[in-house]
PDB file of all heavy atoms in Angstrom:
ATOM      1  N   GLY A   1      89.678  94.388 116.243  1.00  0.00           N
ATOM      2  CA  GLY A   1      89.038  93.091 116.099  1.00  0.00           C
ATOM      3  C   GLY A   1      88.480  92.815 114.708  1.00  0.00           C
ATOM      4  O   GLY A   1      88.061  91.699 114.420  1.00  0.00           O
ATOM      5  N   THR A   2      88.458  93.821 113.842  1.00  0.00           N
ATOM      6  CA  THR A   2      87.961  93.605 112.477  1.00  0.00           C
ATOM      7  C   THR A   2      89.135  93.435 111.517  1.00  0.00           C
ATOM      8  O   THR A   2      90.257  93.852 111.803  1.00  0.00           O
ATOM      9  CB  THR A   2      87.091  94.780 111.987  1.00  0.00           C
ATOM     10  OG1 THR A   2      87.890  95.971 111.974  1.00  0.00           O
ATOM     11  CG2 THR A   2      85.890  94.980 112.893  1.00  0.00           C
ATOM     12  N   ARG A   3      88.873  92.851 110.357  1.00  0.00           N
ATOM     13  CA  ARG A   3      89.913  92.645 109.347  1.00  0.00           C
ATOM     14  C   ARG A   3      90.104  93.922 108.533  1.00  0.00           C
ATOM     15  O   ARG A   3      89.156  94.641 108.261  1.00  0.00           O
ATOM     16  CB  ARG A   3      89.552  91.485 108.416  1.00  0.00           C
ATOM     17  CG  ARG A   3      89.644  90.135 109.121  1.00  0.00           C
ATOM     18  CD  ARG A   3      89.592  88.972 108.156  1.00  0.00           C
ATOM     19  NE  ARG A   3      90.778  88.826 107.316  1.00  0.00           N
ATOM     20  CZ  ARG A   3      91.943  88.326 107.715  1.00  0.00           C
ATOM     21  NH1 ARG A   3      92.102  87.931 108.962  1.00  0.00           N
ATOM     22  NH2 ARG A   3      92.940  88.212 106.871  1.00  0.00           N
ATOM     23  N   LEU A   4      91.340  94.140 108.155  1.00  0.00           N
ATOM     24  CA  LEU A   4      91.679  95.319 107.372  1.00  0.00           C
ATOM     25  C   LEU A   4      92.834  94.976 106.450  1.00  0.00           C
ATOM     26  O   LEU A   4      93.775  94.281 106.846  1.00  0.00           O
ATOM     27  CB  LEU A   4      92.087  96.474 108.307  1.00  0.00           C
ATOM     28  CG  LEU A   4      92.512  97.792 107.661  1.00  0.00           C
ATOM     29  CD1 LEU A   4      91.349  98.430 106.899  1.00  0.00           C
ATOM     30  CD2 LEU A   4      93.037  98.751 108.717  1.00  0.00           C
ATOM     31  N   LYS A   5      92.759  95.451 105.212  1.00  0.00           N
ATOM     32  CA  LYS A   5      93.874  95.300 104.278  1.00  0.00           C
ATOM     33  C   LYS A   5      94.359  96.678 103.884  1.00  0.00           C
ATOM     34  O   LYS A   5      93.571  97.546 103.532  1.00  0.00           O
ATOM     35  CB  LYS A   5      93.454  94.534 103.023  1.00  0.00           C
ATOM     36  CG  LYS A   5      94.594  94.398 102.024  1.00  0.00           C
ATOM     37  CD  LYS A   5      94.232  93.595 100.796  1.00  0.00           C
ATOM     38  CE  LYS A   5      95.445  93.525  99.865  1.00  0.00           C
ATOM     39  NZ  LYS A   5      95.175  92.720  98.674  1.00  0.00           N
ATOM     40  N   LEU A   6      95.663  96.867 103.969  1.00  0.00           N
ATOM     41  CA  LEU A   6      96.275  98.127 103.560  1.00  0.00           C
ATOM     42  C   LEU A   6      97.392  97.855 102.563  1.00  0.00           C
ATOM     43  O   LEU A   6      98.170  96.912 102.732  1.00  0.00           O
ATOM     44  CB  LEU A   6      96.854  98.868 104.767  1.00  0.00           C
ATOM     45  CG  LEU A   6      95.864  99.382 105.809  1.00  0.00           C
ATOM     46  CD1 LEU A   6      96.602  99.986 106.996  1.00  0.00           C
ATOM     47  CD2 LEU A   6      94.910 100.404 105.203  1.00  0.00           C
ATOM     48  N   HIS A   7      97.446  98.688 101.527  1.00  0.00           N
ATOM     49  CA  HIS A   7      98.585  98.673 100.611  1.00  0.00           C
ATOM     50  C   HIS A   7      99.691  99.423 101.342  1.00  0.00           C
ATOM     51  O   HIS A   7      99.438 100.470 101.943  1.00  0.00           O
ATOM     52  CB  HIS A   7      98.225  99.385  99.311  1.00  0.00           C
ATOM     53  CG  HIS A   7      97.065  98.758  98.613  1.00  0.00           C
ATOM     54  ND1 HIS A   7      97.210  97.725  97.720  1.00  0.00           N
ATOM     55  CD2 HIS A   7      95.747  98.984  98.691  1.00  0.00           C
ATOM     56  CE1 HIS A   7      96.039  97.360  97.268  1.00  0.00           C
ATOM     57  NE2 HIS A   7      95.114  98.112  97.853  1.00  0.00           N
ATOM     58  N   THR A   8     100.906  98.908 101.291  1.00  0.00           N
ATOM     59  CA  THR A   8     101.950  99.503 102.129  1.00  0.00           C
ATOM     60  C   THR A   8     103.186  99.932 101.351  1.00  0.00           C
ATOM     61  O   THR A   8     103.533  99.367 100.317  1.00  0.00           O
ATOM     62  CB  THR A   8     102.408  98.523 103.233  1.00  0.00           C
ATOM     63  OG1 THR A   8     102.823  97.299 102.627  1.00  0.00           O
ATOM     64  CG2 THR A   8     101.296  98.259 104.221  1.00  0.00           C
ATOM     65  N   TYR A   9     103.815 100.952 101.894  1.00  0.00           N
ATOM     66  CA  TYR A   9     105.134 101.384 101.465  1.00  0.00           C
ATOM     67  C   TYR A   9     106.072 100.970 102.584  1.00  0.00           C
ATOM     68  O   TYR A   9     105.869 101.337 103.745  1.00  0.00           O
ATOM     69  CB  TYR A   9     105.172 102.910 101.287  1.00  0.00           C
ATOM     70  CG  TYR A   9     106.560 103.440 101.008  1.00  0.00           C
ATOM     71  CD1 TYR A   9     107.091 103.409  99.720  1.00  0.00           C
ATOM     72  CD2 TYR A   9     107.333 103.963 102.035  1.00  0.00           C
ATOM     73  CE1 TYR A   9     108.361 103.885  99.468  1.00  0.00           C
ATOM     74  CE2 TYR A   9     108.608 104.447 101.791  1.00  0.00           C
ATOM     75  CZ  TYR A   9     109.117 104.399 100.504  1.00  0.00           C
ATOM     76  OH  TYR A   9     110.387 104.873 100.265  1.00  0.00           O
ATOM     77  N   HIS A  10     107.080 100.179 102.261  1.00  0.00           N
ATOM     78  CA  HIS A  10     108.024  99.674 103.254  1.00  0.00           C
ATOM     79  C   HIS A  10     109.294 100.516 103.195  1.00  0.00           C
ATOM     80  O   HIS A  10     110.081 100.395 102.265  1.00  0.00           O
ATOM     81  CB  HIS A  10     108.325  98.199 102.955  1.00  0.00           C
ATOM     82  CG  HIS A  10     109.151  97.530 104.003  1.00  0.00           C
ATOM     83  ND1 HIS A  10     109.619  96.260 103.860  1.00  0.00           N
ATOM     84  CD2 HIS A  10     109.587  97.933 105.221  1.00  0.00           C
ATOM     85  CE1 HIS A  10     110.323  95.907 104.923  1.00  0.00           C
ATOM     86  NE2 HIS A  10     110.307  96.924 105.762  1.00  0.00           N
ATOM     87  N   LEU A  11     109.461 101.379 104.174  1.00  0.00           N
ATOM     88  CA  LEU A  11     110.638 102.230 104.266  1.00  0.00           C
ATOM     89  C   LEU A  11     111.764 101.441 104.924  1.00  0.00           C
ATOM     90  O   LEU A  11     111.586 100.897 106.011  1.00  0.00           O
ATOM     91  CB  LEU A  11     110.324 103.485 105.103  1.00  0.00           C
ATOM     92  CG  LEU A  11     111.513 104.391 105.433  1.00  0.00           C
ATOM     93  CD1 LEU A  11     112.004 105.102 104.182  1.00  0.00           C
ATOM     94  CD2 LEU A  11     111.138 105.386 106.508  1.00  0.00           C
ATOM     95  N   VAL A  12     112.895 101.363 104.257  1.00  0.00           N
ATOM     96  CA  VAL A  12     114.067 100.679 104.815  1.00  0.00           C
ATOM     97  C   VAL A  12     115.242 101.640 104.731  1.00  0.00           C
ATOM     98  O   VAL A  12     115.659 102.026 103.633  1.00  0.00           O
ATOM     99  CB  VAL A  12     114.397  99.381 104.047  1.00  0.00           C
ATOM    100  CG1 VAL A  12     115.631  98.708 104.646  1.00  0.00           C
ATOM    101  CG2 VAL A  12     113.216  98.431 104.068  1.00  0.00           C
ATOM    102  N   ARG A  13     115.728 102.019 105.888  1.00  0.00           N
ATOM    103  CA  ARG A  13     116.911 102.875 105.968  1.00  0.00           C
ATOM    104  C   ARG A  13     117.916 102.199 106.879  1.00  0.00           C
ATOM    105  O   ARG A  13     117.602 101.254 107.581  1.00  0.00           O
ATOM    106  CB  ARG A  13     116.547 104.253 106.528  1.00  0.00           C
ATOM    107  CG  ARG A  13     115.728 105.089 105.583  1.00  0.00           C
ATOM    108  CD  ARG A  13     115.590 106.498 106.100  1.00  0.00           C
ATOM    109  NE  ARG A  13     114.799 107.310 105.183  1.00  0.00           N
ATOM    110  CZ  ARG A  13     114.081 108.342 105.542  1.00  0.00           C
ATOM    111  NH1 ARG A  13     114.035 108.714 106.810  1.00  0.00           N
ATOM    112  NH2 ARG A  13     113.393 109.027 104.656  1.00  0.00           N
ATOM    113  N   GLU A  14     119.120 102.723 106.886  1.00  0.00           N
ATOM    114  CA  GLU A  14     120.173 102.146 107.708  1.00  0.00           C
ATOM    115  C   GLU A  14     119.784 102.101 109.184  1.00  0.00           C
ATOM    116  O   GLU A  14     120.085 101.150 109.889  1.00  0.00           O
ATOM    117  CB  GLU A  14     121.444 102.993 107.526  1.00  0.00           C
ATOM    118  CG  GLU A  14     122.710 102.306 107.950  1.00  0.00           C
ATOM    119  CD  GLU A  14     123.925 103.134 107.572  1.00  0.00           C
ATOM    120  OE1 GLU A  14     124.205 103.248 106.362  1.00  0.00           O
ATOM    121  OE2 GLU A  14     124.571 103.651 108.490  1.00  0.00           O
ATOM    122  N   ASP A  15     119.077 103.138 109.639  1.00  0.00           N
ATOM    123  CA  ASP A  15     118.740 103.254 111.057  1.00  0.00           C
ATOM    124  C   ASP A  15     117.252 103.076 111.356  1.00  0.00           C
ATOM    125  O   ASP A  15     116.815 103.259 112.491  1.00  0.00           O
ATOM    126  CB  ASP A  15     119.191 104.621 111.574  1.00  0.00           C
ATOM    127  CG  ASP A  15     118.506 105.765 110.833  1.00  0.00           C
ATOM    128  OD1 ASP A  15     117.985 105.524 109.724  1.00  0.00           O
ATOM    129  OD2 ASP A  15     118.488 106.886 111.366  1.00  0.00           O
ATOM    130  N   GLN A  16     116.442 102.707 110.342  1.00  0.00           N
ATOM    131  CA  GLN A  16     114.999 102.689 110.566  1.00  0.00           C
ATOM    132  C   GLN A  16     114.286 101.820 109.533  1.00  0.00           C
ATOM    133  O   GLN A  16     114.698 101.729 108.388  1.00  0.00           O
ATOM    134  CB  GLN A  16     114.477 104.129 110.461  1.00  0.00           C
ATOM    135  CG  GLN A  16     112.990 104.282 110.514  1.00  0.00           C
ATOM    136  CD  GLN A  16     112.549 105.706 110.201  1.00  0.00           C
ATOM    137  OE1 GLN A  16     113.302 106.508 109.672  1.00  0.00           O
ATOM    138  NE2 GLN A  16     111.307 106.012 110.507  1.00  0.00           N
ATOM    139  N   GLN A  17     113.220 101.166 109.986  1.00  0.00           N
ATOM    140  CA  GLN A  17     112.277 100.497 109.092  1.00  0.00           C
ATOM    141  C   GLN A  17     110.885 100.915 109.530  1.00  0.00           C
ATOM    142  O   GLN A  17     110.615 101.035 110.715  1.00  0.00           O
ATOM    143  CB  GLN A  17     112.385  98.968 109.197  1.00  0.00           C
ATOM    144  CG  GLN A  17     113.531  98.386 108.426  1.00  0.00           C
ATOM    145  CD  GLN A  17     113.353  96.902 108.186  1.00  0.00           C
ATOM    146  OE1 GLN A  17     112.265  96.468 107.849  1.00  0.00           O
ATOM    147  NE2 GLN A  17     114.419  96.154 108.368  1.00  0.00           N
ATOM    148  N   ALA A  18     110.004 101.140 108.569  1.00  0.00           N
ATOM    149  CA  ALA A  18     108.639 101.538 108.897  1.00  0.00           C
ATOM    150  C   ALA A  18     107.711 101.159 107.754  1.00  0.00           C
ATOM    151  O   ALA A  18     108.126 101.086 106.596  1.00  0.00           O
ATOM    152  CB  ALA A  18     108.558 103.043 109.159  1.00  0.00           C
ATOM    153  N   LEU A  19     106.448 100.924 108.089  1.00  0.00           N
ATOM    154  CA  LEU A  19     105.415 100.665 107.095  1.00  0.00           C
ATOM    155  C   LEU A  19     104.437 101.830 107.093  1.00  0.00           C
ATOM    156  O   LEU A  19     104.029 102.309 108.160  1.00  0.00           O
ATOM    157  CB  LEU A  19     104.646  99.381 107.431  1.00  0.00           C
ATOM    158  CG  LEU A  19     105.345  98.056 107.184  1.00  0.00           C
ATOM    159  CD1 LEU A  19     104.477  96.909 107.709  1.00  0.00           C
ATOM    160  CD2 LEU A  19     105.629  97.862 105.707  1.00  0.00           C
ATOM    161  N   PHE A  20     104.043 102.263 105.908  1.00  0.00           N
ATOM    162  CA  PHE A  20     103.035 103.306 105.746  1.00  0.00           C
ATOM    163  C   PHE A  20     101.893 102.679 104.969  1.00  0.00           C
ATOM    164  O   PHE A  20     102.113 102.102 103.898  1.00  0.00           O
ATOM    165  CB  PHE A  20     103.622 104.517 105.006  1.00  0.00           C
ATOM    166  CG  PHE A  20     104.704 105.211 105.792  1.00  0.00           C
ATOM    167  CD1 PHE A  20     106.013 104.768 105.735  1.00  0.00           C
ATOM    168  CD2 PHE A  20     104.395 106.289 106.606  1.00  0.00           C
ATOM    169  CE1 PHE A  20     107.008 105.389 106.472  1.00  0.00           C
ATOM    170  CE2 PHE A  20     105.378 106.918 107.348  1.00  0.00           C
ATOM    171  CZ  PHE A  20     106.695 106.464 107.288  1.00  0.00           C
ATOM    172  N   GLY A  21     100.666 102.779 105.495  1.00  0.00           N
ATOM    173  CA  GLY A  21      99.532 102.074 104.906  1.00  0.00           C
ATOM    174  C   GLY A  21      98.509 102.973 104.251  1.00  0.00           C
ATOM    175  O   GLY A  21      98.244 104.084 104.715  1.00  0.00           O
ATOM    176  N   PHE A  22      97.897 102.438 103.162  1.00  0.00           N
ATOM    177  CA  PHE A  22      96.919 103.181 102.370  1.00  0.00           C
ATOM    178  C   PHE A  22      95.767 102.266 101.988  1.00  0.00           C
ATOM    179  O   PHE A  22      95.961 101.080 101.741  1.00  0.00           O
ATOM    180  CB  PHE A  22      97.590 103.735 101.105  1.00  0.00           C
ATOM    181  CG  PHE A  22      98.820 104.529 101.426  1.00  0.00           C
ATOM    182  CD1 PHE A  22     100.057 103.917 101.482  1.00  0.00           C
ATOM    183  CD2 PHE A  22      98.721 105.867 101.739  1.00  0.00           C
ATOM    184  CE1 PHE A  22     101.190 104.637 101.826  1.00  0.00           C
ATOM    185  CE2 PHE A  22      99.852 106.604 102.094  1.00  0.00           C
ATOM    186  CZ  PHE A  22     101.090 105.985 102.132  1.00  0.00           C
ATOM    187  N   ARG A  23      94.572 102.856 101.895  1.00  0.00           N
ATOM    188  CA  ARG A  23      93.386 102.071 101.540  1.00  0.00           C
ATOM    189  C   ARG A  23      93.414 101.596 100.103  1.00  0.00           C
ATOM    190  O   ARG A  23      92.905 100.526  99.786  1.00  0.00           O
ATOM    191  CB  ARG A  23      92.119 102.895 101.771  1.00  0.00           C
ATOM    192  CG  ARG A  23      91.794 103.128 103.235  1.00  0.00           C
ATOM    193  CD  ARG A  23      90.636 104.072 103.364  1.00  0.00           C
ATOM    194  NE  ARG A  23      91.086 105.409 102.954  1.00  0.00           N
ATOM    195  CZ  ARG A  23      90.520 106.532 103.298  1.00  0.00           C
ATOM    196  NH1 ARG A  23      89.436 106.519 104.019  1.00  0.00           N
ATOM    197  NH2 ARG A  23      90.998 107.696 102.912  1.00  0.00           N
ATOM    198  N   THR A  24      93.955 102.401  99.196  1.00  0.00           N
ATOM    199  CA  THR A  24      93.912 102.057  97.780  1.00  0.00           C
ATOM    200  C   THR A  24      95.303 102.104  97.157  1.00  0.00           C
ATOM    201  O   THR A  24      96.210 102.767  97.676  1.00  0.00           O
ATOM    202  CB  THR A  24      93.018 103.047  96.995  1.00  0.00           C
ATOM    203  OG1 THR A  24      93.629 104.343  97.028  1.00  0.00           O
ATOM    204  CG2 THR A  24      91.610 103.117  97.588  1.00  0.00           C
ATOM    205  N   SER A  25      95.451 101.411  96.044  1.00  0.00           N
ATOM    206  CA  SER A  25      96.724 101.442  95.325  1.00  0.00           C
ATOM    207  C   SER A  25      96.967 102.837  94.741  1.00  0.00           C
ATOM    208  O   SER A  25      98.114 103.248  94.561  1.00  0.00           O
ATOM    209  CB  SER A  25      96.737 100.379  94.229  1.00  0.00           C
ATOM    210  OG  SER A  25      95.665 100.575  93.339  1.00  0.00           O
ATOM    211  N   GLU A  26      95.885 103.592  94.447  1.00  0.00           N
ATOM    212  CA  GLU A  26      96.037 104.958  93.949  1.00  0.00           C
ATOM    213  C   GLU A  26      96.692 105.855  94.995  1.00  0.00           C
ATOM    214  O   GLU A  26      97.571 106.653  94.673  1.00  0.00           O
ATOM    215  CB  GLU A  26      94.688 105.554  93.534  1.00  0.00           C
ATOM    216  CG  GLU A  26      94.077 104.915  92.312  1.00  0.00           C
ATOM    217  CD  GLU A  26      93.423 103.562  92.600  1.00  0.00           C
ATOM    218  OE1 GLU A  26      93.008 103.315  93.741  1.00  0.00           O
ATOM    219  OE2 GLU A  26      93.345 102.752  91.662  1.00  0.00           O
ATOM    220  N   GLU A  27      96.247 105.729  96.240  1.00  0.00           N
ATOM    221  CA  GLU A  27      96.864 106.517  97.312  1.00  0.00           C
ATOM    222  C   GLU A  27      98.338 106.158  97.455  1.00  0.00           C
ATOM    223  O   GLU A  27      99.185 107.035  97.600  1.00  0.00           O
ATOM    224  CB  GLU A  27      96.136 106.280  98.642  1.00  0.00           C
ATOM    225  CG  GLU A  27      94.765 106.906  98.717  1.00  0.00           C
ATOM    226  CD  GLU A  27      94.051 106.623 100.035  1.00  0.00           C
ATOM    227  OE1 GLU A  27      94.548 105.781 100.831  1.00  0.00           O
ATOM    228  OE2 GLU A  27      93.008 107.235 100.274  1.00  0.00           O
ATOM    229  N   LEU A  28      98.646 104.866  97.408  1.00  0.00           N
ATOM    230  CA  LEU A  28     100.036 104.420  97.510  1.00  0.00           C
ATOM    231  C   LEU A  28     100.859 104.947  96.332  1.00  0.00           C
ATOM    232  O   LEU A  28     101.975 105.430  96.508  1.00  0.00           O
ATOM    233  CB  LEU A  28     100.102 102.896  97.569  1.00  0.00           C
ATOM    234  CG  LEU A  28     101.506 102.285  97.545  1.00  0.00           C
ATOM    235  CD1 LEU A  28     102.352 102.785  98.707  1.00  0.00           C
ATOM    236  CD2 LEU A  28     101.418 100.763  97.557  1.00  0.00           C
ATOM    237  N   GLY A  29     100.300 104.888  95.135  1.00  0.00           N
ATOM    238  CA  GLY A  29     101.007 105.386  93.955  1.00  0.00           C
ATOM    239  C   GLY A  29     101.301 106.876  94.055  1.00  0.00           C
ATOM    240  O   GLY A  29     102.399 107.335  93.718  1.00  0.00           O
ATOM    241  N   PHE A  30     100.331 107.642  94.541  1.00  0.00           N
ATOM    242  CA  PHE A  30     100.529 109.080  94.691  1.00  0.00           C
ATOM    243  C   PHE A  30     101.551 109.364  95.798  1.00  0.00           C
ATOM    244  O   PHE A  30     102.384 110.263  95.671  1.00  0.00           O
ATOM    245  CB  PHE A  30      99.194 109.772  94.978  1.00  0.00           C
ATOM    246  CG  PHE A  30      99.279 111.266  94.952  1.00  0.00           C
ATOM    247  CD1 PHE A  30      99.761 111.936  93.849  1.00  0.00           C
ATOM    248  CD2 PHE A  30      98.864 112.015  96.035  1.00  0.00           C
ATOM    249  CE1 PHE A  30      99.844 113.329  93.820  1.00  0.00           C
ATOM    250  CE2 PHE A  30      98.933 113.394  96.030  1.00  0.00           C
ATOM    251  CZ  PHE A  30      99.428 114.056  94.912  1.00  0.00           C
ATOM    252  N   PHE A  31     101.513 108.586  96.870  1.00  0.00           N
ATOM    253  CA  PHE A  31     102.498 108.689  97.949  1.00  0.00           C
ATOM    254  C   PHE A  31     103.903 108.484  97.379  1.00  0.00           C
ATOM    255  O   PHE A  31     104.817 109.272  97.646  1.00  0.00           O
ATOM    256  CB  PHE A  31     102.183 107.640  99.016  1.00  0.00           C
ATOM    257  CG  PHE A  31     103.172 107.556 100.146  1.00  0.00           C
ATOM    258  CD1 PHE A  31     103.082 108.400 101.236  1.00  0.00           C
ATOM    259  CD2 PHE A  31     104.182 106.606 100.135  1.00  0.00           C
ATOM    260  CE1 PHE A  31     103.976 108.313 102.298  1.00  0.00           C
ATOM    261  CE2 PHE A  31     105.085 106.506 101.178  1.00  0.00           C
ATOM    262  CZ  PHE A  31     104.981 107.362 102.263  1.00  0.00           C
ATOM    263  N   ASN A  32     104.079 107.429  96.573  1.00  0.00           N
ATOM    264  CA  ASN A  32     105.380 107.160  95.955  1.00  0.00           C
ATOM    265  C   ASN A  32     105.817 108.314  95.061  1.00  0.00           C
ATOM    266  O   ASN A  32     106.989 108.684  95.027  1.00  0.00           O
ATOM    267  CB  ASN A  32     105.334 105.861  95.136  1.00  0.00           C
ATOM    268  CG  ASN A  32     105.442 104.638  96.013  1.00  0.00           C
ATOM    269  OD1 ASN A  32     106.244 104.591  96.930  1.00  0.00           O
ATOM    270  ND2 ASN A  32     104.638 103.643  95.741  1.00  0.00           N
ATOM    271  N   LEU A  33     104.876 108.895  94.337  1.00  0.00           N
ATOM    272  CA  LEU A  33     105.183 110.027  93.468  1.00  0.00           C
ATOM    273  C   LEU A  33     105.622 111.234  94.298  1.00  0.00           C
ATOM    274  O   LEU A  33     106.593 111.915  93.951  1.00  0.00           O
ATOM    275  CB  LEU A  33     103.955 110.378  92.623  1.00  0.00           C
ATOM    276  CG  LEU A  33     104.182 111.309  91.448  1.00  0.00           C
ATOM    277  CD1 LEU A  33     105.136 110.701  90.433  1.00  0.00           C
ATOM    278  CD2 LEU A  33     102.858 111.627  90.777  1.00  0.00           C
TER     279      LEU A  33
END
């Protein structure tokens, strides 16, 4: 019921799509690395 914003990595594969969420852009950047 509360608002939340997450920075996301959008995984797109031939057989799958998924979103992975992070609180900060730093976490997302490290995830990408």
